[in-house]
Amino acid sequence: MGALVLVLAALATTGLSVGWIWNKADAVSPVALPSGNQAPIETVSPSVKPSETPTPFGKVLGTEMLAANNDTMPIMSSAWTNYDEQTGLWGGAAIWFIVHKNYDGKDHDWGNYAAFGQLAPDIPYKNTAAGLKEAAVQAGSRAIIGLYSKDVKILPGTTHKAITVGGHPGHELVAKVVVNEAGVKETFSTVMIAVIDRGNGTADVAVADIAGSTPAWQKVWRFKVSQIKINA
């Protein structure tokens, strides 16, 4: 067996074919086969188990948020900076805009947030009006919990509407959450979710969390959503 390993190692370095090795080995010397009463070869368990496939991530590239699926959404403006994705998107990227700097005197900032990525695969999805709406609800719930907590209060008046982005059907959800943070001069923030069908059984998601004192950014976000490019 050791001689065979050496032969195969030489094969790997010389580029010779496996057929050539076996033909020449048969012609040079016979190989004794193991007897039938020997103990079977035991299966050796690997010492290190293969790791699970890591969750993909997107990135901010120039003036665009690039999702892991290569779909893109323009950033809100040059005043927004790269940020960690916190809303449970699959392969997403995020940006941030400071509204209240050092609001508590301890170097904590309060600001607006936007993210773009793919609907997480563990959220059921169907490309129907009802399926898009339900996906928006699920993605919105996940986003709100990620940005605030599961105990955050949602104000009455959540809205839903069908949208179209580049010929792809979608759904927009808008909800207002109560802000009650010491030192923050805000009483609510507006969380906006857009789910857009990609045409291959999956969907993209755009998220925005806009402070109540800066409503003008809502219009900007809707315009940027309209410019999403899907490369399915």
Protein backbone atom coordinates (compact mmCIF):
# COMPACT_ATOMS: atom_id res chain seq x y z
CA MET A 1 0.00 0.00 0.00
CA GLY A 2 2.88 2.37 0.80
CA ALA A 3 4.39 1.83 -2.66
CA LEU A 4 1.05 2.60 -4.28
CA VAL A 5 0.77 5.87 -2.33
CA LEU A 6 4.20 6.89 -3.56
CA VAL A 7 3.22 6.06 -7.13
CA LEU A 8 0.05 8.12 -6.88
CA ALA A 9 1.99 11.01 -5.34
CA ALA A 10 4.39 10.90 -8.27
CA LEU A 11 1.37 10.86 -10.60
CA ALA A 12 0.04 14.04 -9.05
CA THR A 13 3.34 15.87 -9.64
CA THR A 14 4.05 14.56 -13.16
CA GLY A 15 0.54 14.82 -14.60
CA LEU A 16 0.53 11.21 -15.88
CA SER A 17 -2.82 9.46 -16.33
CA VAL A 18 -4.22 6.96 -13.86
CA GLY A 19 -4.64 4.45 -16.70
CA TRP A 20 -0.93 4.59 -17.48
CA ILE A 21 0.00 3.88 -13.85
CA TRP A 22 -2.24 0.84 -13.52
CA ASN A 23 -1.20 -0.67 -16.84
CA LYS A 24 2.50 -0.35 -16.10
CA ALA A 25 2.14 -1.64 -12.52
CA ASP A 26 0.44 -4.80 -13.76
CA ALA A 27 3.21 -5.40 -16.27
CA VAL A 28 6.05 -4.91 -13.80
CA SER A 29 5.08 -6.82 -10.65
CA PRO A 30 2.02 -8.71 -9.40
CA VAL A 31 0.23 -7.37 -6.33
CA ALA A 32 -0.90 -9.80 -3.64
CA LEU A 33 -4.54 -9.34 -2.65
CA PRO A 34 -5.43 -9.37 1.07
CA SER A 35 -6.85 -12.65 2.34
CA GLY A 36 -10.57 -12.91 2.95
CA ASN A 37 -10.31 -13.58 6.69
CA GLN A 38 -8.75 -10.28 7.62
CA ALA A 39 -10.66 -7.82 9.82
CA PRO A 40 -12.56 -5.17 7.85
CA ILE A 41 -11.07 -1.71 7.59
CA GLU A 42 -12.60 0.55 10.22
CA THR A 43 -14.15 3.86 9.26
CA VAL A 44 -12.24 6.70 10.84
CA SER A 45 -14.31 9.67 11.95
CA PRO A 46 -12.82 13.03 11.03
CA SER A 47 -11.40 14.94 13.98
CA VAL A 48 -12.97 18.19 12.79
CA LYS A 49 -16.54 18.33 11.54
CA PRO A 50 -17.24 20.45 8.46
CA SER A 51 -18.55 23.86 9.45
CA GLU A 52 -21.97 25.08 8.36
CA THR A 53 -22.19 27.40 5.38
CA PRO A 54 -21.70 30.91 6.79
CA THR A 55 -24.49 33.46 6.39
CA PRO A 56 -23.72 35.66 3.38
CA PHE A 57 -23.29 39.39 3.83
CA GLY A 58 -23.61 42.43 1.60
CA LYS A 59 -21.56 45.59 1.52
CA VAL A 60 -21.68 49.27 0.72
CA LEU A 61 -19.81 49.80 -2.51
CA GLY A 62 -19.40 53.41 -3.57
CA THR A 63 -22.88 54.89 -3.85
CA GLU A 64 -24.75 51.59 -3.65
CA MET A 65 -25.71 48.94 -1.15
CA LEU A 66 -24.74 45.64 -2.77
CA ALA A 67 -26.58 42.59 -1.48
CA ALA A 68 -24.95 39.16 -1.51
CA ASN A 69 -27.20 38.20 -4.44
CA ASN A 70 -25.69 41.10 -6.45
CA ASP A 71 -28.87 43.19 -6.39
CA THR A 72 -28.28 46.87 -5.66
CA MET A 73 -29.98 49.84 -4.04
CA PRO A 74 -28.54 53.37 -4.08
CA ILE A 75 -27.50 54.82 -0.72
CA MET A 76 -29.63 57.64 0.67
CA SER A 77 -26.94 60.31 0.24
CA SER A 78 -23.23 60.86 0.80
CA ALA A 79 -24.02 61.97 4.38
CA TRP A 80 -24.99 58.39 5.24
CA THR A 81 -22.17 56.06 6.28
CA ASN A 82 -21.57 52.31 6.32
CA TYR A 83 -23.15 50.48 9.25
CA ASP A 84 -23.79 46.98 10.61
CA GLU A 85 -26.89 45.22 9.26
CA GLN A 86 -29.20 44.64 12.25
CA THR A 87 -32.58 43.70 10.79
CA GLY A 88 -32.16 40.05 9.86
CA LEU A 89 -31.75 40.43 6.11
CA TRP A 90 -30.05 37.64 4.15
CA GLY A 91 -26.79 38.95 2.69
CA GLY A 92 -27.69 42.54 3.47
CA ALA A 93 -25.85 45.83 3.83
CA ALA A 94 -26.76 48.91 5.87
CA ILE A 95 -26.11 52.64 6.20
CA TRP A 96 -26.56 55.19 9.00
CA PHE A 97 -27.21 58.92 9.41
CA ILE A 98 -26.70 60.70 12.76
CA VAL A 99 -29.68 62.81 13.85
CA HIS A 100 -28.80 63.42 17.52
CA LYS A 101 -25.10 63.23 18.26
CA ASN A 102 -24.03 62.32 21.80
CA TYR A 103 -27.61 62.64 23.00
CA ASP A 104 -26.83 61.27 26.47
CA GLY A 105 -23.41 62.82 27.01
CA LYS A 106 -21.82 59.36 26.86
CA ASP A 107 -20.86 59.25 23.18
CA HIS A 108 -24.15 57.60 22.15
CA ASP A 109 -25.74 58.80 18.92
CA TRP A 110 -29.33 58.50 17.70
CA GLY A 111 -29.98 58.38 14.00
CA ASN A 112 -31.67 57.04 10.90
CA TYR A 113 -30.98 53.59 9.50
CA ALA A 114 -31.46 51.97 6.10
CA ALA A 115 -30.65 48.48 4.87
CA PHE A 116 -31.02 46.35 1.77
CA GLY A 117 -30.73 42.62 1.21
CA GLN A 118 -32.68 39.45 0.50
CA LEU A 119 -35.66 38.09 2.41
CA ALA A 120 -34.35 35.54 4.90
CA PRO A 121 -34.91 31.99 3.57
CA ASP A 122 -36.61 30.89 6.79
CA ILE A 123 -39.49 33.33 6.12
CA PRO A 124 -42.13 31.60 3.94
CA TYR A 125 -42.67 33.43 0.66
CA LYS A 126 -45.08 33.27 -2.28
CA ASN A 127 -45.19 35.67 -5.20
CA THR A 128 -48.80 36.71 -4.69
CA ALA A 129 -50.31 39.90 -3.31
CA ALA A 130 -51.06 38.11 -0.06
CA GLY A 131 -47.62 36.45 -0.02
CA LEU A 132 -45.81 39.76 -0.49
CA LYS A 133 -47.87 41.37 2.27
CA GLU A 134 -47.19 38.54 4.70
CA ALA A 135 -43.46 38.62 3.88
CA ALA A 136 -43.46 42.37 4.59
CA VAL A 137 -45.12 41.76 7.96
CA GLN A 138 -42.60 39.06 8.87
CA ALA A 139 -39.60 41.10 7.68
CA GLY A 140 -40.98 44.19 9.43
CA SER A 141 -41.45 42.38 12.72
CA ARG A 142 -37.89 41.06 12.54
CA ALA A 143 -36.54 44.51 11.68
CA ILE A 144 -38.38 46.25 14.53
CA ILE A 145 -37.20 43.70 17.08
CA GLY A 146 -33.64 43.96 15.76
CA LEU A 147 -33.62 47.75 15.92
CA TYR A 148 -35.57 48.13 19.16
CA SER A 149 -36.87 45.11 21.10
CA LYS A 150 -39.75 42.67 21.17
CA ASP A 151 -41.42 44.92 23.75
CA VAL A 152 -41.46 48.06 21.62
CA LYS A 153 -44.87 49.69 21.22
CA ILE A 154 -46.31 50.24 17.76
CA LEU A 155 -48.62 53.20 17.29
CA PRO A 156 -51.97 52.82 15.51
CA GLY A 157 -52.08 53.57 11.79
CA THR A 158 -49.79 50.97 10.17
CA THR A 159 -50.24 51.17 6.39
CA HIS A 160 -49.89 48.68 3.54
CA LYS A 161 -49.77 49.26 -0.20
CA ALA A 162 -48.80 47.37 -3.34
CA ILE A 163 -45.79 48.76 -5.21
CA THR A 164 -43.88 47.97 -8.40
CA VAL A 165 -40.10 48.28 -8.77
CA GLY A 166 -38.59 47.88 -12.22
CA GLY A 167 -41.56 45.79 -13.32
CA HIS A 168 -41.35 43.56 -10.24
CA PRO A 169 -44.34 43.43 -7.88
CA GLY A 170 -43.80 44.40 -4.27
CA HIS A 171 -45.39 45.51 -1.04
CA GLU A 172 -44.67 48.43 1.27
CA LEU A 173 -45.38 48.45 5.01
CA VAL A 174 -45.06 51.58 7.16
CA ALA A 175 -45.35 51.54 10.96
CA LYS A 176 -44.59 54.04 13.71
CA VAL A 177 -42.87 52.85 16.87
CA VAL A 178 -42.75 54.66 20.19
CA VAL A 179 -39.40 56.17 21.16
CA ASN A 180 -38.84 56.56 24.87
CA GLU A 181 -35.11 56.99 25.29
CA ALA A 182 -33.74 59.35 27.92
CA GLY A 183 -32.08 62.31 26.28
CA VAL A 184 -33.53 61.66 22.81
CA LYS A 185 -35.78 64.45 21.54
CA GLU A 186 -38.01 62.04 19.61
CA THR A 187 -41.37 60.52 20.48
CA PHE A 188 -41.57 58.09 17.56
CA SER A 189 -39.70 56.66 14.59
CA THR A 190 -41.13 55.48 11.28
CA VAL A 191 -40.13 51.99 10.19
CA MET A 192 -40.56 51.34 6.46
CA ILE A 193 -40.36 47.95 4.75
CA ALA A 194 -40.44 47.17 1.05
CA VAL A 195 -40.50 43.58 -0.21
CA ILE A 196 -39.88 43.11 -3.94
CA ASP A 197 -40.26 39.85 -5.86
CA ARG A 198 -37.07 38.84 -7.71
CA GLY A 199 -38.78 36.60 -10.25
CA ASN A 200 -37.09 33.38 -9.14
CA GLY A 201 -39.02 32.44 -6.01
CA THR A 202 -37.09 34.81 -3.73
CA ALA A 203 -37.55 38.45 -2.72
CA ASP A 204 -35.49 41.50 -1.82
CA VAL A 205 -36.16 43.63 1.24
CA ALA A 206 -35.41 47.31 1.84
CA VAL A 207 -35.66 48.68 5.38
CA ALA A 208 -35.67 52.22 6.77
CA ASP A 209 -35.95 53.53 10.31
CA ILE A 210 -36.52 57.28 10.12
CA ALA A 211 -36.66 59.53 13.18
CA GLY A 212 -39.98 61.37 13.56
CA SER A 213 -38.22 64.74 13.35
CA THR A 214 -36.78 63.98 9.88
CA PRO A 215 -39.79 62.93 7.73
CA ALA A 216 -38.18 64.24 4.53
CA TRP A 217 -35.97 61.11 4.45
CA GLN A 218 -39.06 58.97 3.89
CA LYS A 219 -39.53 60.42 0.42
CA VAL A 220 -35.83 59.92 -0.33
CA TRP A 221 -36.05 56.26 0.76
CA ARG A 222 -39.04 55.60 -1.49
CA PHE A 223 -37.15 57.12 -4.43
CA LYS A 224 -34.10 54.94 -3.72
CA VAL A 225 -36.34 51.86 -3.49
CA SER A 226 -37.69 52.69 -6.95
CA GLN A 227 -34.07 52.49 -8.21
CA ILE A 228 -33.36 48.99 -6.90
CA LYS A 229 -31.80 46.80 -9.58
CA ILE A 230 -32.56 43.09 -9.53
CA ASN A 231 -30.06 40.76 -11.18
CA ALA A 232 -31.95 37.48 -10.76
